[in-house]
Protein backbone atom coordinates (compact mmCIF):
# COMPACT_ATOMS: atom_id res chain seq x y z
CA MET A 1 119.64 44.55 -109.43
CA SER A 2 123.19 45.59 -108.61
CA VAL A 3 126.22 43.40 -109.28
CA ILE A 4 126.68 42.88 -105.53
CA GLU A 5 123.02 41.83 -105.12
CA LYS A 6 123.33 39.42 -108.07
CA ILE A 7 126.46 37.79 -106.65
CA SER A 8 124.77 37.50 -103.26
CA LEU A 9 121.72 35.83 -104.84
CA ASP A 10 123.84 33.43 -106.92
CA GLN A 11 125.58 32.28 -103.73
CA ALA A 12 122.40 32.12 -101.63
CA GLU A 13 121.46 28.82 -100.03
CA LEU A 14 118.72 26.80 -101.75
CA LEU A 15 115.73 25.48 -99.79
CA ARG A 16 113.41 22.95 -101.41
CA PHE A 17 109.97 22.61 -99.86
CA ILE A 18 106.60 21.08 -100.67
CA THR A 19 103.04 21.98 -99.85
CA ALA A 20 100.38 19.37 -99.21
CA GLY A 21 96.84 19.34 -97.92
CA SER A 22 93.26 18.38 -98.62
CA VAL A 23 91.18 19.84 -101.43
CA ASP A 24 90.33 23.51 -100.79
CA ASP A 25 92.75 23.83 -97.87
CA GLY A 26 94.44 26.64 -99.79
CA LYS A 27 97.78 25.23 -100.98
CA SER A 28 97.82 27.05 -104.29
CA THR A 29 96.56 30.26 -102.68
CA LEU A 30 99.32 30.05 -100.07
CA ILE A 31 102.02 29.72 -102.72
CA GLY A 32 100.46 32.52 -104.72
CA ARG A 33 100.48 34.69 -101.61
CA LEU A 34 104.13 33.86 -100.94
CA LEU A 35 105.09 34.79 -104.50
CA HIS A 36 102.95 37.93 -104.52
CA ASP A 37 103.91 39.33 -101.12
CA SER A 38 107.61 38.58 -101.60
CA LYS A 39 107.41 40.46 -104.93
CA SER A 40 108.44 37.39 -106.92
CA ILE A 41 105.95 37.65 -109.78
CA PHE A 42 106.05 39.86 -112.87
CA GLU A 43 103.50 42.56 -113.57
CA ASP A 44 102.24 40.77 -116.70
CA GLN A 45 101.64 37.59 -114.68
CA LEU A 46 99.60 39.55 -112.15
CA THR A 47 97.62 41.20 -114.93
CA SER A 48 96.97 37.83 -116.57
CA ILE A 49 95.60 36.15 -113.43
CA ALA A 50 93.55 39.28 -112.62
CA ASN A 51 91.91 39.01 -116.05
CA THR A 52 91.30 35.28 -115.58
CA THR A 53 89.78 35.93 -112.15
CA GLN A 54 87.45 38.52 -113.65
CA LYS A 55 86.39 36.17 -116.46
CA ARG A 56 85.41 33.61 -113.83
CA GLY A 57 83.15 36.17 -112.18
CA LEU A 58 85.24 36.53 -109.02
CA GLN A 59 86.39 39.62 -107.19
CA GLY A 60 90.00 40.67 -106.65
CA VAL A 61 92.89 38.45 -107.78
CA ASP A 62 92.80 34.65 -107.42
CA LEU A 63 96.43 34.00 -106.45
CA SER A 64 95.96 30.22 -106.70
CA LEU A 65 96.08 30.61 -110.51
CA LEU A 66 99.83 31.20 -110.23
CA THR A 67 100.32 27.49 -109.54
CA ASP A 68 97.25 25.73 -110.94
CA GLY A 69 98.64 25.67 -114.46
CA LEU A 70 96.82 22.70 -115.98
CA GLN A 71 93.45 23.41 -117.59
CA ALA A 72 91.94 20.41 -115.79
CA GLU A 73 93.13 21.82 -112.47
CA ARG A 74 91.60 25.21 -113.15
CA GLU A 75 88.28 23.68 -114.18
CA GLN A 76 88.07 21.39 -111.14
CA GLY A 77 89.72 23.74 -108.65
CA ILE A 78 92.22 21.08 -107.56
CA THR A 79 95.93 20.43 -108.00
CA ILE A 80 96.64 17.28 -110.05
CA ASP A 81 100.27 17.47 -111.11
CA VAL A 82 103.28 18.57 -109.07
CA ALA A 83 103.62 22.27 -109.87
CA TYR A 84 107.16 23.59 -109.35
CA ARG A 85 107.75 27.27 -108.74
CA TYR A 86 110.94 29.21 -108.10
CA PHE A 87 111.49 32.42 -106.17
CA ALA A 88 114.17 34.14 -104.14
CA THR A 89 114.60 36.64 -101.33
CA PRO A 90 117.83 38.38 -100.31
CA LYS A 91 118.40 35.59 -97.79
CA ARG A 92 117.62 32.42 -99.75
CA LYS A 93 116.53 30.80 -103.01
CA PHE A 94 113.51 28.51 -103.03
CA ILE A 95 112.03 25.70 -105.11
CA ILE A 96 108.39 24.98 -104.24
CA ALA A 97 106.62 21.76 -105.17
CA ASP A 98 102.85 22.16 -104.90
CA THR A 99 101.77 18.53 -104.54
CA PRO A 100 98.30 17.00 -105.00
CA GLY A 101 95.99 16.41 -102.06
CA HIS A 102 93.97 13.51 -103.44
CA GLU A 103 94.84 9.98 -102.36
CA GLN A 104 95.00 8.82 -105.99
CA TYR A 105 97.97 11.17 -106.51
CA THR A 106 100.07 9.78 -103.65
CA ARG A 107 102.85 8.99 -106.14
CA ASN A 108 103.01 12.67 -107.12
CA MET A 109 103.52 13.74 -103.52
CA VAL A 110 106.22 11.11 -102.97
CA THR A 111 107.99 12.38 -106.10
CA GLY A 112 107.81 16.00 -105.00
CA ALA A 113 108.86 15.20 -101.43
CA SER A 114 111.86 13.02 -102.29
CA THR A 115 114.31 15.94 -102.43
CA ALA A 116 112.56 18.38 -100.08
CA ASN A 117 114.14 19.94 -97.00
CA LEU A 118 110.79 20.99 -95.58
CA ALA A 119 107.10 20.18 -95.95
CA ILE A 120 104.13 22.47 -95.32
CA ILE A 121 100.92 20.60 -94.49
CA LEU A 122 97.88 22.85 -94.68
CA ILE A 123 94.91 22.24 -92.41
CA ASP A 124 91.60 24.07 -92.79
CA ALA A 125 90.91 25.61 -89.37
CA ARG A 126 87.18 24.88 -89.80
CA LYS A 127 87.70 21.16 -90.51
CA GLY A 128 90.65 20.32 -88.27
CA VAL A 129 92.93 17.31 -88.73
CA LEU A 130 91.51 15.11 -91.50
CA VAL A 131 92.44 11.70 -92.87
CA GLN A 132 94.39 13.49 -95.62
CA SER A 133 96.35 15.47 -93.01
CA ARG A 134 97.46 12.22 -91.36
CA ARG A 135 98.30 10.69 -94.73
CA HIS A 136 100.50 13.61 -95.72
CA ALA A 137 102.25 13.51 -92.33
CA TYR A 138 102.96 9.81 -92.85
CA LEU A 139 104.35 10.41 -96.33
CA ALA A 140 106.55 13.25 -95.05
CA SER A 141 107.87 10.88 -92.38
CA LEU A 142 108.33 8.06 -94.91
CA VAL A 143 110.53 10.10 -97.25
CA GLY A 144 112.51 11.56 -94.36
CA ILE A 145 111.72 15.27 -94.71
CA PRO A 146 113.70 16.91 -91.87
CA HIS A 147 111.35 19.83 -91.13
CA LEU A 148 107.54 19.90 -91.03
CA VAL A 149 105.36 23.01 -90.87
CA VAL A 150 101.69 22.58 -90.00
CA ALA A 151 99.95 25.65 -91.42
CA VAL A 152 96.50 26.05 -89.87
CA ASN A 153 94.89 28.05 -92.64
CA LYS A 154 91.64 30.05 -92.98
CA MET A 155 91.91 31.38 -89.43
CA ASP A 156 89.88 34.37 -90.64
CA LEU A 157 86.87 32.05 -90.99
CA VAL A 158 87.02 30.98 -87.31
CA ASP A 159 87.51 34.49 -85.88
CA TYR A 160 91.24 33.81 -85.37
CA SER A 161 90.44 31.54 -82.43
CA GLN A 162 93.47 30.67 -80.31
CA SER A 163 91.70 27.80 -78.54
CA LEU A 164 90.73 26.18 -81.86
CA PHE A 165 94.30 26.54 -83.15
CA GLU A 166 95.68 24.88 -79.99
CA LYS A 167 93.12 22.06 -80.25
CA ILE A 168 94.28 21.30 -83.82
CA CYS A 169 97.94 21.37 -82.74
CA ASN A 170 97.28 18.91 -79.90
CA GLU A 171 95.35 16.55 -82.20
CA PHE A 172 98.11 16.58 -84.81
CA ASP A 173 100.76 16.04 -82.12
CA ALA A 174 98.94 12.95 -80.88
CA PHE A 175 99.10 11.38 -84.34
CA ALA A 176 102.68 12.55 -85.05
CA GLU A 177 103.94 10.64 -82.00
CA LYS A 178 103.50 7.45 -84.06
CA LEU A 179 105.78 8.79 -86.80
CA ASN A 180 109.44 9.70 -87.22
CA LEU A 181 108.90 13.47 -87.22
CA GLU A 182 111.38 15.40 -85.13
CA ASN A 183 110.87 19.07 -85.98
CA ILE A 184 107.22 20.24 -86.23
CA ILE A 185 106.34 23.95 -86.29
CA TYR A 186 102.73 25.16 -86.10
CA ILE A 187 101.68 28.48 -87.69
CA PRO A 188 98.15 29.96 -87.74
CA MET A 189 97.45 31.94 -90.91
CA SER A 190 95.09 33.18 -93.56
CA ALA A 191 96.63 32.69 -97.00
CA LEU A 192 93.76 34.59 -98.61
CA ASN A 193 94.34 37.71 -96.50
CA GLY A 194 98.09 37.24 -96.04
CA ASP A 195 98.03 36.88 -92.25
CA MET A 196 101.32 35.34 -90.99
CA VAL A 197 102.46 34.36 -94.49
CA VAL A 198 104.95 37.15 -95.21
CA GLU A 199 103.73 39.82 -92.79
CA ARG A 200 102.59 39.53 -89.18
CA SER A 201 98.92 40.05 -88.36
CA ASP A 202 97.15 42.13 -85.74
CA HIS A 203 94.43 39.48 -85.77
CA LEU A 204 96.92 36.89 -84.48
CA GLY A 205 98.62 38.95 -81.83
CA TRP A 206 98.34 36.02 -79.41
CA TYR A 207 100.73 34.00 -81.61
CA GLN A 208 104.34 34.81 -80.76
CA GLY A 209 105.97 32.56 -83.37
CA THR A 210 107.51 33.43 -86.70
CA THR A 211 105.80 34.15 -90.02
CA LEU A 212 106.02 31.46 -92.67
CA LEU A 213 108.51 33.36 -94.85
CA ASP A 214 110.72 34.19 -91.86
CA LEU A 215 110.81 30.49 -91.03
CA LEU A 216 111.62 29.51 -94.63
CA GLU A 217 114.46 32.04 -94.69
CA THR A 218 116.01 31.00 -91.37
CA VAL A 219 115.35 27.28 -90.81
CA SER A 220 118.69 25.49 -90.62
CA ILE A 221 119.28 22.93 -93.38
CA GLU A 222 122.99 22.53 -92.70
CA ASP A 223 122.46 19.03 -91.31
CA ASP A 224 119.97 17.88 -93.97
CA ILE A 225 122.83 16.41 -96.05
CA ASN A 226 124.98 13.68 -94.53
CA ARG A 227 128.29 15.50 -93.97
CA GLU A 228 130.13 12.56 -92.44
CA ASP A 229 130.13 9.70 -94.96
CA PHE A 230 131.85 10.33 -98.29
CA ARG A 231 129.83 8.83 -101.13
CA PHE A 232 130.82 9.43 -104.75
CA PRO A 233 128.93 7.38 -107.36
CA VAL A 234 130.85 7.48 -110.63
CA GLN A 235 128.75 9.01 -113.39
CA TRP A 236 131.32 9.04 -116.20
CA VAL A 237 134.91 8.00 -116.83
CA CYS A 238 136.56 10.90 -118.67
CA ARG A 239 139.37 9.98 -121.09
CA PRO A 240 139.80 12.80 -123.66
CA GLN A 241 142.86 11.15 -125.31
CA SER A 242 143.76 14.48 -126.86
CA ARG A 243 147.39 15.47 -127.46
CA GLU A 244 147.40 17.66 -124.31
CA LEU A 245 145.48 15.17 -122.15
CA HIS A 246 146.53 11.88 -123.70
CA ASP A 247 146.95 10.04 -120.38
CA PHE A 248 144.21 11.85 -118.44
CA ARG A 249 141.71 9.62 -116.65
CA GLY A 250 139.14 11.39 -114.48
CA TYR A 251 136.09 10.11 -112.67
CA MET A 252 133.12 12.46 -112.94
CA GLY A 253 130.04 12.64 -110.78
CA ARG A 254 128.33 14.37 -107.88
CA ILE A 255 129.40 14.04 -104.27
CA GLU A 256 126.21 12.76 -102.66
CA SER A 257 127.42 13.13 -99.08
CA GLY A 258 130.51 13.95 -97.05
CA SER A 259 133.66 15.64 -98.33
CA ILE A 260 137.01 14.73 -99.89
CA ARG A 261 140.50 16.25 -99.87
CA ILE A 262 143.59 15.72 -102.02
CA GLY A 263 145.61 12.88 -100.52
CA ASP A 264 142.66 11.11 -98.91
CA GLU A 265 142.75 7.33 -99.07
CA ILE A 266 139.72 5.94 -100.88
CA THR A 267 138.16 2.53 -101.50
CA LEU A 268 136.38 1.59 -104.71
CA LEU A 269 133.22 -0.46 -104.23
CA PRO A 270 132.11 -3.13 -104.93
CA SER A 271 135.61 -4.25 -106.04
CA ASN A 272 137.37 -3.14 -102.77
CA LEU A 273 140.34 -1.70 -104.70
CA SER A 274 142.21 1.15 -102.98
CA SER A 275 143.96 4.33 -104.09
CA GLN A 276 144.58 7.95 -103.15
CA VAL A 277 142.99 11.16 -104.43
CA LYS A 278 145.47 12.93 -106.70
CA GLU A 279 143.43 15.89 -107.97
CA ILE A 280 139.96 17.42 -107.49
CA ILE A 281 138.61 19.45 -110.41
CA VAL A 282 135.60 21.76 -110.08
CA HIS A 283 134.60 23.88 -113.09
CA GLU A 284 137.96 23.22 -114.79
CA SER A 285 139.89 24.45 -111.72
CA SER A 286 141.83 22.34 -109.24
CA VAL A 287 140.75 22.64 -105.59
CA ASP A 288 142.07 21.16 -102.36
CA GLU A 289 138.69 20.03 -101.04
CA ALA A 290 135.16 19.37 -102.28
CA PHE A 291 131.94 18.47 -100.53
CA ALA A 292 128.31 17.48 -101.15
CA PRO A 293 126.46 18.30 -103.33
CA GLN A 294 129.22 19.51 -105.66
CA SER A 295 129.77 17.95 -109.08
CA VAL A 296 133.48 17.20 -109.50
CA THR A 297 136.08 15.24 -111.43
CA LEU A 298 138.48 13.15 -109.35
CA THR A 299 141.81 11.71 -110.46
CA LEU A 300 143.60 8.97 -108.53
CA GLU A 301 147.22 8.07 -107.94
CA ASP A 302 146.71 4.56 -109.35
CA HIS A 303 145.17 3.26 -112.56
CA VAL A 304 142.33 1.10 -111.27
CA ASP A 305 139.42 -0.42 -113.14
CA ILE A 306 136.50 1.94 -112.48
CA SER A 307 133.20 2.08 -114.37
CA ARG A 308 129.97 4.03 -114.24
CA GLY A 309 127.95 2.85 -111.24
CA ASP A 310 130.97 2.16 -109.02
CA MET A 311 131.16 4.02 -105.71
CA LEU A 312 134.15 5.77 -104.15
CA VAL A 313 134.19 6.01 -100.35
CA LYS A 314 136.87 6.97 -97.86
CA ALA A 315 139.07 4.15 -96.59
CA GLY A 316 137.55 2.63 -93.47
CA GLU A 317 133.96 3.60 -94.29
CA LYS A 318 131.61 0.65 -94.66
CA PRO A 319 128.41 1.16 -96.59
CA GLN A 320 126.40 -1.94 -97.37
CA VAL A 321 127.44 -3.96 -100.42
CA THR A 322 124.55 -6.33 -100.92
CA LYS A 323 122.39 -8.30 -103.34
CA THR A 324 119.39 -8.56 -100.98
CA PHE A 325 117.68 -5.87 -98.95
CA ASN A 326 114.34 -4.72 -97.57
CA ALA A 327 112.68 -1.46 -98.56
CA MET A 328 109.56 0.62 -98.34
CA LEU A 329 108.21 0.81 -101.88
CA CYS A 330 105.71 3.21 -103.46
CA TRP A 331 104.18 1.75 -106.61
CA PHE A 332 103.67 4.36 -109.37
CA SER A 333 102.44 2.37 -112.35
CA GLU A 334 98.92 1.67 -113.53
CA GLN A 335 100.20 -1.84 -114.27
CA PRO A 336 100.22 -3.87 -111.02
CA LEU A 337 103.42 -5.37 -109.65
CA ASP A 338 104.17 -8.81 -111.09
CA LEU A 339 106.24 -10.84 -108.63
CA ASP A 340 107.23 -13.23 -111.44
CA ARG A 341 108.83 -10.48 -113.55
CA LYS A 342 112.30 -9.02 -113.55
CA TYR A 343 112.68 -5.26 -113.33
CA LEU A 344 115.61 -2.83 -113.43
CA ILE A 345 116.74 -0.97 -110.31
CA LYS A 346 118.53 2.37 -110.63
CA GLN A 347 120.31 3.30 -107.39
CA THR A 348 122.64 6.31 -107.60
CA THR A 349 124.33 5.76 -111.01
CA ARG A 350 124.13 1.96 -110.98
CA ILE A 351 121.48 -0.01 -112.90
CA VAL A 352 120.98 -3.72 -112.22
CA LYS A 353 118.31 -6.32 -112.86
CA ALA A 354 116.16 -7.20 -109.87
CA ILE A 355 113.10 -9.00 -108.60
CA ILE A 356 110.74 -8.10 -105.79
CA SER A 357 111.02 -11.36 -103.89
CA ARG A 358 108.12 -10.83 -101.51
CA ILE A 359 105.58 -8.33 -100.16
CA ASP A 360 105.57 -8.35 -96.37
CA PHE A 361 102.64 -5.96 -96.01
CA ARG A 362 100.94 -2.96 -97.55
CA VAL A 363 100.43 0.14 -95.42
CA ASP A 364 96.97 1.67 -95.26
CA ILE A 365 98.27 5.25 -95.22
CA ASN A 366 94.99 6.53 -93.79
CA THR A 367 95.09 4.32 -90.68
CA LEU A 368 98.73 3.03 -90.73
CA ASN A 369 97.37 -0.53 -90.50
CA HIS A 370 99.35 -3.33 -92.17
CA GLU A 371 97.51 -5.39 -94.79
CA THR A 372 98.42 -8.72 -96.41
CA VAL A 373 98.45 -8.48 -100.23
CA ASN A 374 99.91 -10.46 -103.15
CA THR A 375 100.43 -7.52 -105.54
CA LEU A 376 100.78 -3.74 -105.53
CA ARG A 377 98.67 -1.27 -107.45
CA MET A 378 99.18 2.38 -108.29
CA ASN A 379 99.90 4.52 -105.18
CA ASP A 380 100.24 1.50 -102.87
CA ILE A 381 103.04 1.69 -100.27
CA ALA A 382 104.47 -1.55 -98.98
CA HIS A 383 107.29 -3.22 -97.05
CA VAL A 384 109.03 -5.54 -99.53
CA GLY A 385 112.11 -7.68 -100.02
CA LEU A 386 114.29 -7.34 -103.13
CA LYS A 387 117.06 -9.31 -104.79
CA VAL A 388 119.42 -7.78 -107.36
CA GLN A 389 121.58 -9.49 -109.95
CA GLY A 390 124.74 -7.55 -109.09
CA PRO A 391 125.70 -5.95 -105.77
CA ILE A 392 124.65 -2.40 -105.00
CA VAL A 393 126.50 -0.06 -102.63
CA CYS A 394 123.99 1.59 -100.34
CA ASP A 395 123.15 3.04 -96.93
CA ASP A 396 119.82 2.88 -95.19
CA TYR A 397 117.61 5.77 -96.27
CA ALA A 398 117.30 7.20 -92.76
CA SER A 399 121.04 7.85 -92.53
CA ASN A 400 121.68 8.84 -96.16
CA ARG A 401 118.80 9.78 -98.43
CA ALA A 402 121.03 9.99 -101.53
CA THR A 403 122.38 6.43 -101.39
CA GLY A 404 119.37 4.88 -99.66
CA CYS A 405 116.83 5.56 -102.40
CA PHE A 406 116.21 3.87 -105.74
CA ILE A 407 113.69 3.66 -108.57
CA ILE A 408 112.33 0.59 -110.34
CA ILE A 409 112.11 0.61 -114.13
CA ASP A 410 110.04 -1.61 -116.41
CA GLU A 411 112.67 -2.86 -118.87
CA ASN A 412 110.06 -3.34 -121.61
CA SER A 413 108.52 0.13 -121.54
CA ASN A 414 111.43 1.95 -119.83
CA ASN A 415 108.86 3.59 -117.53
CA THR A 416 109.58 4.27 -113.87
CA VAL A 417 107.09 2.06 -112.03
CA ALA A 418 108.12 2.52 -108.38
CA ALA A 419 110.41 4.31 -105.96
CA GLY A 420 111.89 2.82 -102.82
CA MET A 421 113.70 3.60 -99.60
CA ILE A 422 116.22 1.06 -98.29
CA LEU A 423 115.65 0.02 -94.68
CA PRO A 424 118.29 -0.25 -91.94
CA ASN A 425 120.76 -3.10 -91.80
CA GLU A 426 118.97 -5.04 -89.04
CA GLU A 427 115.82 -5.20 -91.16
CA ARG A 428 117.81 -6.18 -94.24
CA SER A 429 119.34 -9.14 -92.42
CA GLN A 430 115.86 -10.61 -91.94
CA ALA A 431 115.25 -10.75 -95.70
């Protein structure tokens, strides 16, 4: 790789995407095909999976072995954990999360989808839209993934039928109308043979759309981050107190959304103190402007009392500062929710004690029906009300994923037991 190519790759835009589907829909094979055909695997890896394929008495190379890393997965032929893979093309860098298809691993898909720009839902062309397909579409909608690709796989097993492909698209569309999914792209393919994954296929000449890799390289993710509202949760207060920097006081963290310039008026929340940006430091260099998702150090014109967990916003902006809110909650723990217990909530860099004050309903993610329950068990998704001991600074998840999400921690075990998405203001007011 030349120096110019390396610099170009280092500066390439990063796309995070997930794959989801039912058992045997071909998720792992699809990712293996993407890695193989884009020349993103090493020769020794290819040799290793070829040997493993041969030991299992199969012909050719089983590309699914590139992602099914756990021994239990290989023995059962299913994906259990979230398998992350990384690859790059001259146009973009990618992080893939291969998420489980089974209902009992809903929490794994929610985890993998929480930071994704795009989701690929695989559908077996022979089976059509299944309950799992609808469930994965609901979860993609729930976590606010901006772009959804419906990959109708195994077209080679249905003679590359255009009418069958269109029937599946229409059926999925009918269900998607109930969800908050704005950008759905349908692609017919055969991951096993490579049709429409990286290269076009003569078998699918009736399909005039893009290949999967072309779509991944060109889909616009410019608007996936909130560029309007400046949100800077303070991660660390830097006070070196060295001879050269005796009076230095910088506020370190990552800009979660929006941008900031030297001289901008800011408000510190929840205290409502005000100041002005004096300096912006990125990688030990001063810059005039910074934007999400850069990690920066800010200094202010005034010495104000700022601690980890406080939020800096631009003057005039009004995120919610609240002790009560509603949320959609996905329960991760094998231990059921105890409404009489206190938990910890971590939202951005702030950690506060909290209680789940009520469960309004649990969602049956197979039918979208609402069910009355008095507790939550592992993988349950529910509409709940929460109360926190100290105010949090937040936006609703739909408008700002970074400041609208949180996790719940068991303060005894320190385990993460749930993840949540804060609902819009009008729903919060009904709490």
